[in-house]
Amino acid sequence: VKNRHSVGPVYVATAGDWRSLLPRWHGYTPRVHAQYPKLLAEMTAFVMAAADVELDFSLSSSYMVSDARTSSPTEAWYWIDKDAGAG
C-alpha cells in the first residue's frame, strides 16, 4: 500500500476511476472516522478505497510550490527558475 497508494492531493484520475473509487471512499470515511477521529481520517479512507479498487497511483512531487527560499528537491522551483531564465 505504501508504494502505490500513499498519496495526497493533487489527484488526477479518469472519470471511470473516480466512478469506482468515490462510492468506496464515501463508504469508508465515516467508518474510519469512528475509529480514528482525526484530521486525516478521510485521507486514510481514500487510501483504503484506492487499494480496494486496485487503483495504483504514479507519484509526482513536482507540483508543490510553497516558499521560494526552500531548498526542498520536491518542489517545482527548479522549473520556475529555469523558465524565468534564472536556472
PDB file of N, CA and C in Angstrom:
ATOM      1  N   VAL A   1       0.827  -1.188   0.000  1.00  0.00           N
ATOM      2  CA  VAL A   1       0.000   0.000   0.000  1.00  0.00           C
ATOM      3  C   VAL A   1       0.869   1.249   0.000  1.00  0.00           C
ATOM      4  N   LYS A   2       1.954   1.254   0.761  1.00  0.00           N
ATOM      5  CA  LYS A   2       2.775   2.455   0.886  1.00  0.00           C
ATOM      6  C   LYS A   2       3.308   2.939  -0.460  1.00  0.00           C
ATOM      7  N   ASN A   3       3.776   2.045  -1.299  1.00  0.00           N
ATOM      8  CA  ASN A   3       4.401   2.456  -2.555  1.00  0.00           C
ATOM      9  C   ASN A   3       3.409   2.811  -3.651  1.00  0.00           C
ATOM     10  N   ARG A   4       2.179   2.324  -3.563  1.00  0.00           N
ATOM     11  CA  ARG A   4       1.236   2.559  -4.649  1.00  0.00           C
ATOM     12  C   ARG A   4       0.006   3.358  -4.259  1.00  0.00           C
ATOM     13  N   HIS A   5      -0.244   3.536  -2.964  1.00  0.00           N
ATOM     14  CA  HIS A   5      -1.485   4.181  -2.562  1.00  0.00           C
ATOM     15  C   HIS A   5      -1.317   5.316  -1.571  1.00  0.00           C
ATOM     16  N   SER A   6      -0.174   5.492  -0.965  1.00  0.00           N
ATOM     17  CA  SER A   6       0.016   6.589  -0.010  1.00  0.00           C
ATOM     18  C   SER A   6       0.238   7.879  -0.778  1.00  0.00           C
ATOM     19  N   VAL A   7      -0.843   8.559  -1.043  1.00  0.00           N
ATOM     20  CA  VAL A   7      -0.793   9.762  -1.869  1.00  0.00           C
ATOM     21  C   VAL A   7      -1.560  10.880  -1.194  1.00  0.00           C
ATOM     22  N   GLY A   8      -1.416  12.054  -1.737  1.00  0.00           N
ATOM     23  CA  GLY A   8      -2.184  13.207  -1.300  1.00  0.00           C
ATOM     24  C   GLY A   8      -2.492  14.071  -2.499  1.00  0.00           C
ATOM     25  N   PRO A   9      -3.276  15.122  -2.312  1.00  0.00           N
ATOM     26  CA  PRO A   9      -3.632  15.979  -3.438  1.00  0.00           C
ATOM     27  C   PRO A   9      -2.378  16.516  -4.113  1.00  0.00           C
ATOM     28  N   VAL A  10      -2.378  16.717  -5.288  1.00  0.00           N
ATOM     29  CA  VAL A  10      -3.368  16.802  -6.347  1.00  0.00           C
ATOM     30  C   VAL A  10      -3.638  15.384  -6.880  1.00  0.00           C
ATOM     31  N   TYR A  11      -4.923  15.044  -7.080  1.00  0.00           N
ATOM     32  CA  TYR A  11      -5.280  13.765  -7.665  1.00  0.00           C
ATOM     33  C   TYR A  11      -5.662  13.975  -9.117  1.00  0.00           C
ATOM     34  N   VAL A  12      -5.133  13.147  -9.980  1.00  0.00           N
ATOM     35  CA  VAL A  12      -5.517  13.165 -11.381  1.00  0.00           C
ATOM     36  C   VAL A  12      -5.937  11.749 -11.726  1.00  0.00           C
ATOM     37  N   ALA A  13      -7.189  11.593 -12.132  1.00  0.00           N
ATOM     38  CA  ALA A  13      -7.717  10.274 -12.463  1.00  0.00           C
ATOM     39  C   ALA A  13      -8.763  10.414 -13.555  1.00  0.00           C
ATOM     40  N   THR A  14      -9.051   9.320 -14.212  1.00  0.00           N
ATOM     41  CA  THR A  14     -10.083   9.330 -15.250  1.00  0.00           C
ATOM     42  C   THR A  14     -11.463   9.326 -14.597  1.00  0.00           C
ATOM     43  N   ALA A  15     -12.476   9.680 -15.357  1.00  0.00           N
ATOM     44  CA  ALA A  15     -13.841   9.657 -14.836  1.00  0.00           C
ATOM     45  C   ALA A  15     -14.208   8.246 -14.382  1.00  0.00           C
ATOM     46  N   GLY A  16     -13.796   7.244 -15.122  1.00  0.00           N
ATOM     47  CA  GLY A  16     -14.085   5.863 -14.747  1.00  0.00           C
ATOM     48  C   GLY A  16     -13.422   5.470 -13.435  1.00  0.00           C
ATOM     49  N   ASP A  17     -12.193   5.932 -13.227  1.00  0.00           N
ATOM     50  CA  ASP A  17     -11.505   5.667 -11.957  1.00  0.00           C
ATOM     51  C   ASP A  17     -12.262   6.308 -10.799  1.00  0.00           C
ATOM     52  N   TRP A  18     -12.692   7.560 -10.989  1.00  0.00           N
ATOM     53  CA  TRP A  18     -13.433   8.242  -9.928  1.00  0.00           C
ATOM     54  C   TRP A  18     -14.756   7.545  -9.649  1.00  0.00           C
ATOM     55  N   ARG A  19     -15.445   7.050 -10.708  1.00  0.00           N
ATOM     56  CA  ARG A  19     -16.725   6.363 -10.507  1.00  0.00           C
ATOM     57  C   ARG A  19     -16.575   5.108  -9.660  1.00  0.00           C
ATOM     58  N   SER A  20     -15.477   4.401  -9.803  1.00  0.00           N
ATOM     59  CA  SER A  20     -15.276   3.208  -8.986  1.00  0.00           C
ATOM     60  C   SER A  20     -14.749   3.555  -7.597  1.00  0.00           C
ATOM     61  N   LEU A  21     -13.973   4.621  -7.487  1.00  0.00           N
ATOM     62  CA  LEU A  21     -13.346   4.989  -6.225  1.00  0.00           C
ATOM     63  C   LEU A  21     -14.287   5.714  -5.261  1.00  0.00           C
ATOM     64  N   LEU A  22     -15.058   6.666  -5.765  1.00  0.00           N
ATOM     65  CA  LEU A  22     -15.835   7.548  -4.890  1.00  0.00           C
ATOM     66  C   LEU A  22     -16.845   6.823  -3.994  1.00  0.00           C
ATOM     67  N   PRO A  23     -17.617   5.859  -4.483  1.00  0.00           N
ATOM     68  CA  PRO A  23     -18.554   5.187  -3.574  1.00  0.00           C
ATOM     69  C   PRO A  23     -17.849   4.494  -2.404  1.00  0.00           C
ATOM     70  N   ARG A  24     -16.724   3.891  -2.662  1.00  0.00           N
ATOM     71  CA  ARG A  24     -15.987   3.225  -1.581  1.00  0.00           C
ATOM     72  C   ARG A  24     -15.384   4.242  -0.615  1.00  0.00           C
ATOM     73  N   TRP A  25     -14.823   5.310  -1.167  1.00  0.00           N
ATOM     74  CA  TRP A  25     -14.270   6.372  -0.325  1.00  0.00           C
ATOM     75  C   TRP A  25     -15.368   6.936   0.583  1.00  0.00           C
ATOM     76  N   HIS A  26     -16.519   7.213  -0.003  1.00  0.00           N
ATOM     77  CA  HIS A  26     -17.658   7.734   0.750  1.00  0.00           C
ATOM     78  C   HIS A  26     -18.105   6.742   1.824  1.00  0.00           C
ATOM     79  N   GLY A  27     -18.092   5.467   1.507  1.00  0.00           N
ATOM     80  CA  GLY A  27     -18.486   4.454   2.472  1.00  0.00           C
ATOM     81  C   GLY A  27     -17.485   4.249   3.592  1.00  0.00           C
ATOM     82  N   TYR A  28     -16.208   4.328   3.263  1.00  0.00           N
ATOM     83  CA  TYR A  28     -15.163   4.111   4.271  1.00  0.00           C
ATOM     84  C   TYR A  28     -14.992   5.289   5.227  1.00  0.00           C
ATOM     85  N   THR A  29     -15.217   6.507   4.758  1.00  0.00           N
ATOM     86  CA  THR A  29     -14.889   7.693   5.554  1.00  0.00           C
ATOM     87  C   THR A  29     -15.558   7.720   6.930  1.00  0.00           C
ATOM     88  N   PRO A  30     -16.876   7.528   7.051  1.00  0.00           N
ATOM     89  CA  PRO A  30     -17.445   7.575   8.403  1.00  0.00           C
ATOM     90  C   PRO A  30     -16.977   6.417   9.283  1.00  0.00           C
ATOM     91  N   ARG A  31     -16.726   5.278   8.686  1.00  0.00           N
ATOM     92  CA  ARG A  31     -16.264   4.127   9.466  1.00  0.00           C
ATOM     93  C   ARG A  31     -14.848   4.355   9.983  1.00  0.00           C
ATOM     94  N   VAL A  32     -13.989   4.919   9.140  1.00  0.00           N
ATOM     95  CA  VAL A  32     -12.621   5.227   9.581  1.00  0.00           C
ATOM     96  C   VAL A  32     -12.667   6.315  10.651  1.00  0.00           C
ATOM     97  N   HIS A  33     -13.478   7.351  10.417  1.00  0.00           N
ATOM     98  CA  HIS A  33     -13.553   8.450  11.379  1.00  0.00           C
ATOM     99  C   HIS A  33     -14.061   7.975  12.732  1.00  0.00           C
ATOM    100  N   ALA A  34     -14.957   6.999  12.742  1.00  0.00           N
ATOM    101  CA  ALA A  34     -15.467   6.465  14.005  1.00  0.00           C
ATOM    102  C   ALA A  34     -14.355   5.815  14.833  1.00  0.00           C
ATOM    103  N   GLN A  35     -13.377   5.231  14.149  1.00  0.00           N
ATOM    104  CA  GLN A  35     -12.267   4.581  14.845  1.00  0.00           C
ATOM    105  C   GLN A  35     -11.068   5.503  15.016  1.00  0.00           C
ATOM    106  N   TYR A  36     -10.956   6.497  14.137  1.00  0.00           N
ATOM    107  CA  TYR A  36      -9.798   7.387  14.122  1.00  0.00           C
ATOM    108  C   TYR A  36     -10.301   8.814  13.890  1.00  0.00           C
ATOM    109  N   PRO A  37     -10.879   9.459  14.909  1.00  0.00           N
ATOM    110  CA  PRO A  37     -11.495  10.779  14.722  1.00  0.00           C
ATOM    111  C   PRO A  37     -10.465  11.907  14.634  1.00  0.00           C
ATOM    112  N   LYS A  38      -9.629  11.818  13.648  1.00  0.00           N
ATOM    113  CA  LYS A  38      -8.564  12.804  13.456  1.00  0.00           C
ATOM    114  C   LYS A  38      -8.739  13.488  12.105  1.00  0.00           C
ATOM    115  N   LEU A  39      -7.926  14.497  11.882  1.00  0.00           N
ATOM    116  CA  LEU A  39      -7.985  15.295  10.666  1.00  0.00           C
ATOM    117  C   LEU A  39      -7.818  14.451   9.399  1.00  0.00           C
ATOM    118  N   LEU A  40      -6.939  13.476   9.423  1.00  0.00           N
ATOM    119  CA  LEU A  40      -6.630  12.715   8.213  1.00  0.00           C
ATOM    120  C   LEU A  40      -7.465  11.447   8.047  1.00  0.00           C
ATOM    121  N   ALA A  41      -8.582  11.336   8.743  1.00  0.00           N
ATOM    122  CA  ALA A  41      -9.433  10.150   8.615  1.00  0.00           C
ATOM    123  C   ALA A  41      -9.927   9.977   7.188  1.00  0.00           C
ATOM    124  N   GLU A  42     -10.337  11.064   6.550  1.00  0.00           N
ATOM    125  CA  GLU A  42     -10.831  10.929   5.177  1.00  0.00           C
ATOM    126  C   GLU A  42      -9.710  10.549   4.217  1.00  0.00           C
ATOM    127  N   MET A  43      -8.484  10.976   4.503  1.00  0.00           N
ATOM    128  CA  MET A  43      -7.346  10.588   3.663  1.00  0.00           C
ATOM    129  C   MET A  43      -7.056   9.102   3.824  1.00  0.00           C
ATOM    130  N   THR A  44      -7.144   8.612   5.039  1.00  0.00           N
ATOM    131  CA  THR A  44      -6.962   7.184   5.274  1.00  0.00           C
ATOM    132  C   THR A  44      -8.035   6.401   4.533  1.00  0.00           C
ATOM    133  N   ALA A  45      -9.269   6.884   4.566  1.00  0.00           N
ATOM    134  CA  ALA A  45     -10.358   6.235   3.840  1.00  0.00           C
ATOM    135  C   ALA A  45     -10.100   6.264   2.337  1.00  0.00           C
ATOM    136  N   PHE A  46      -9.538   7.359   1.832  1.00  0.00           N
ATOM    137  CA  PHE A  46      -9.199   7.451   0.405  1.00  0.00           C
ATOM    138  C   PHE A  46      -8.190   6.376   0.022  1.00  0.00           C
ATOM    139  N   VAL A  47      -7.148   6.230   0.828  1.00  0.00           N
ATOM    140  CA  VAL A  47      -6.103   5.242   0.558  1.00  0.00           C
ATOM    141  C   VAL A  47      -6.691   3.832   0.586  1.00  0.00           C
ATOM    142  N   MET A  48      -7.567   3.578   1.557  1.00  0.00           N
ATOM    143  CA  MET A  48      -8.206   2.266   1.642  1.00  0.00           C
ATOM    144  C   MET A  48      -9.072   1.992   0.413  1.00  0.00           C
ATOM    145  N   ALA A  49      -9.830   2.991  -0.017  1.00  0.00           N
ATOM    146  CA  ALA A  49     -10.687   2.830  -1.189  1.00  0.00           C
ATOM    147  C   ALA A  49      -9.859   2.588  -2.449  1.00  0.00           C
ATOM    148  N   ALA A  50      -8.777   3.327  -2.612  1.00  0.00           N
ATOM    149  CA  ALA A  50      -7.909   3.147  -3.778  1.00  0.00           C
ATOM    150  C   ALA A  50      -7.310   1.746  -3.798  1.00  0.00           C
ATOM    151  N   ALA A  51      -6.877   1.267  -2.642  1.00  0.00           N
ATOM    152  CA  ALA A  51      -6.326  -0.091  -2.572  1.00  0.00           C
ATOM    153  C   ALA A  51      -7.407  -1.122  -2.860  1.00  0.00           C
ATOM    154  N   ASP A  52      -8.613  -0.872  -2.368  1.00  0.00           N
ATOM    155  CA  ASP A  52      -9.714  -1.808  -2.556  1.00  0.00           C
ATOM    156  C   ASP A  52     -10.080  -1.974  -4.027  1.00  0.00           C
ATOM    157  N   VAL A  53     -10.070  -0.884  -4.783  1.00  0.00           N
ATOM    158  CA  VAL A  53     -10.406  -0.977  -6.214  1.00  0.00           C
ATOM    159  C   VAL A  53      -9.153  -1.203  -7.065  1.00  0.00           C
ATOM    160  N   GLU A  54      -8.032  -1.415  -6.397  1.00  0.00           N
ATOM    161  CA  GLU A  54      -6.744  -1.675  -7.061  1.00  0.00           C
ATOM    162  C   GLU A  54      -6.361  -0.545  -8.007  1.00  0.00           C
ATOM    163  N   LEU A  55      -6.586   0.677  -7.559  1.00  0.00           N
ATOM    164  CA  LEU A  55      -6.223   1.869  -8.322  1.00  0.00           C
ATOM    165  C   LEU A  55      -4.849   2.323  -7.851  1.00  0.00           C
ATOM    166  N   ASP A  56      -3.854   2.080  -8.672  1.00  0.00           N
ATOM    167  CA  ASP A  56      -2.487   2.473  -8.342  1.00  0.00           C
ATOM    168  C   ASP A  56      -2.240   3.897  -8.828  1.00  0.00           C
ATOM    169  N   PHE A  57      -1.392   4.600  -8.120  1.00  0.00           N
ATOM    170  CA  PHE A  57      -1.065   5.972  -8.469  1.00  0.00           C
ATOM    171  C   PHE A  57       0.404   6.084  -8.851  1.00  0.00           C
ATOM    172  N   SER A  58       0.693   6.986  -9.755  1.00  0.00           N
ATOM    173  CA  SER A  58       2.062   7.394 -10.038  1.00  0.00           C
ATOM    174  C   SER A  58       2.290   8.664  -9.229  1.00  0.00           C
ATOM    175  N   LEU A  59       3.323   8.671  -8.457  1.00  0.00           N
ATOM    176  CA  LEU A  59       3.562   9.807  -7.574  1.00  0.00           C
ATOM    177  C   LEU A  59       4.446  10.846  -8.247  1.00  0.00           C
ATOM    178  N   SER A  60       4.079  12.095  -8.087  1.00  0.00           N
ATOM    179  CA  SER A  60       4.883  13.210  -8.562  1.00  0.00           C
ATOM    180  C   SER A  60       4.891  14.268  -7.478  1.00  0.00           C
ATOM    181  N   SER A  61       6.058  14.684  -7.091  1.00  0.00           N
ATOM    182  CA  SER A  61       6.141  15.705  -6.048  1.00  0.00           C
ATOM    183  C   SER A  61       6.496  17.063  -6.626  1.00  0.00           C
ATOM    184  N   SER A  62       6.524  17.201  -7.924  1.00  0.00           N
ATOM    185  CA  SER A  62       6.973  18.449  -8.527  1.00  0.00           C
ATOM    186  C   SER A  62       5.858  19.464  -8.727  1.00  0.00           C
ATOM    187  N   TYR A  63       4.675  19.217  -8.187  1.00  0.00           N
ATOM    188  CA  TYR A  63       3.588  20.187  -8.299  1.00  0.00           C
ATOM    189  C   TYR A  63       3.582  21.192  -7.158  1.00  0.00           C
ATOM    190  N   MET A  64       4.301  20.904  -6.120  1.00  0.00           N
ATOM    191  CA  MET A  64       4.292  21.738  -4.921  1.00  0.00           C
ATOM    192  C   MET A  64       5.155  22.979  -5.102  1.00  0.00           C
ATOM    193  N   VAL A  65       4.614  24.127  -4.761  1.00  0.00           N
ATOM    194  CA  VAL A  65       5.358  25.378  -4.747  1.00  0.00           C
ATOM    195  C   VAL A  65       4.888  26.136  -3.511  1.00  0.00           C
ATOM    196  N   SER A  66       5.780  26.307  -2.542  1.00  0.00           N
ATOM    197  CA  SER A  66       5.350  26.987  -1.326  1.00  0.00           C
ATOM    198  C   SER A  66       6.211  28.208  -1.036  1.00  0.00           C
ATOM    199  N   ASP A  67       7.439  27.999  -0.655  1.00  0.00           N
ATOM    200  CA  ASP A  67       8.311  29.084  -0.221  1.00  0.00           C
ATOM    201  C   ASP A  67       9.530  29.126  -1.129  1.00  0.00           C
ATOM    202  N   ALA A  68       9.752  30.236  -1.769  1.00  0.00           N
ATOM    203  CA  ALA A  68      10.872  30.364  -2.709  1.00  0.00           C
ATOM    204  C   ALA A  68      12.225  30.161  -2.034  1.00  0.00           C
ATOM    205  N   ARG A  69      12.281  30.291  -0.721  1.00  0.00           N
ATOM    206  CA  ARG A  69      13.549  30.127  -0.002  1.00  0.00           C
ATOM    207  C   ARG A  69      13.839  28.668   0.353  1.00  0.00           C
ATOM    208  N   THR A  70      12.898  27.784   0.070  1.00  0.00           N
ATOM    209  CA  THR A  70      13.106  26.385   0.419  1.00  0.00           C
ATOM    210  C   THR A  70      14.160  25.754  -0.483  1.00  0.00           C
ATOM    211  N   SER A  71      14.840  24.802   0.042  1.00  0.00           N
ATOM    212  CA  SER A  71      15.804  24.065  -0.785  1.00  0.00           C
ATOM    213  C   SER A  71      15.315  22.642  -1.006  1.00  0.00           C
ATOM    214  N   SER A  72      14.029  22.428  -0.809  1.00  0.00           N
ATOM    215  CA  SER A  72      13.446  21.096  -0.961  1.00  0.00           C
ATOM    216  C   SER A  72      13.481  20.662  -2.421  1.00  0.00           C
ATOM    217  N   PRO A  73      14.012  19.474  -2.698  1.00  0.00           N
ATOM    218  CA  PRO A  73      14.034  18.981  -4.072  1.00  0.00           C
ATOM    219  C   PRO A  73      12.661  18.525  -4.547  1.00  0.00           C
ATOM    220  N   THR A  74      11.673  18.515  -3.658  1.00  0.00           N
ATOM    221  CA  THR A  74      10.342  18.055  -4.050  1.00  0.00           C
ATOM    222  C   THR A  74       9.439  19.178  -4.527  1.00  0.00           C
ATOM    223  N   GLU A  75       9.939  20.389  -4.558  1.00  0.00           N
ATOM    224  CA  GLU A  75       9.127  21.495  -5.043  1.00  0.00           C
ATOM    225  C   GLU A  75       9.546  21.888  -6.456  1.00  0.00           C
ATOM    226  N   ALA A  76       8.663  22.579  -7.143  1.00  0.00           N
ATOM    227  CA  ALA A  76       8.822  22.860  -8.575  1.00  0.00           C
ATOM    228  C   ALA A  76       9.635  24.111  -8.872  1.00  0.00           C
ATOM    229  N   TRP A  77      10.369  24.619  -7.905  1.00  0.00           N
ATOM    230  CA  TRP A  77      11.109  25.861  -8.140  1.00  0.00           C
ATOM    231  C   TRP A  77      12.154  25.725  -9.234  1.00  0.00           C
ATOM    232  N   TYR A  78      12.712  24.544  -9.425  1.00  0.00           N
ATOM    233  CA  TYR A  78      13.700  24.347 -10.487  1.00  0.00           C
ATOM    234  C   TYR A  78      13.109  24.736 -11.838  1.00  0.00           C
ATOM    235  N   TRP A  79      11.899  24.280 -12.121  1.00  0.00           N
ATOM    236  CA  TRP A  79      11.275  24.575 -13.418  1.00  0.00           C
ATOM    237  C   TRP A  79      10.865  26.034 -13.510  1.00  0.00           C
ATOM    238  N   ILE A  80      10.424  26.614 -12.429  1.00  0.00           N
ATOM    239  CA  ILE A  80      10.043  28.025 -12.445  1.00  0.00           C
ATOM    240  C   ILE A  80      11.280  28.890 -12.684  1.00  0.00           C
ATOM    241  N   ASP A  81      12.355  28.622 -11.956  1.00  0.00           N
ATOM    242  CA  ASP A  81      13.593  29.381 -12.135  1.00  0.00           C
ATOM    243  C   ASP A  81      14.135  29.200 -13.549  1.00  0.00           C
ATOM    244  N   LYS A  82      14.068  27.969 -14.053  1.00  0.00           N
ATOM    245  CA  LYS A  82      14.578  27.686 -15.391  1.00  0.00           C
ATOM    246  C   LYS A  82      13.783  28.463 -16.440  1.00  0.00           C
ATOM    247  N   ASP A  83      12.447  28.455 -16.329  1.00  0.00           N
ATOM    248  CA  ASP A  83      11.608  29.176 -17.274  1.00  0.00           C
ATOM    249  C   ASP A  83      11.804  30.682 -17.167  1.00  0.00           C
ATOM    250  N   ALA A  84      12.164  31.167 -15.995  1.00  0.00           N
ATOM    251  CA  ALA A  84      12.376  32.597 -15.804  1.00  0.00           C
ATOM    252  C   ALA A  84      13.787  33.020 -16.213  1.00  0.00           C
ATOM    253  N   GLY A  85      14.600  32.056 -16.619  1.00  0.00           N
ATOM    254  CA  GLY A  85      15.959  32.356 -17.040  1.00  0.00           C
ATOM    255  C   GLY A  85      16.968  32.378 -15.910  1.00  0.00           C
ATOM    256  N   ALA A  86      16.572  31.988 -14.717  1.00  0.00           N
ATOM    257  CA  ALA A  86      17.484  32.022 -13.572  1.00  0.00           C
ATOM    258  C   ALA A  86      18.200  30.704 -13.356  1.00  0.00           C
ATOM    259  N   GLY A  87      17.807  29.649 -14.086  1.00  0.00           N
ATOM    260  CA  GLY A  87      18.397  28.342 -13.792  1.00  0.00           C
ATOM    261  C   GLY A  87      19.055  27.686 -14.900  1.00  0.00           C
TER     262      GLY A  87
END
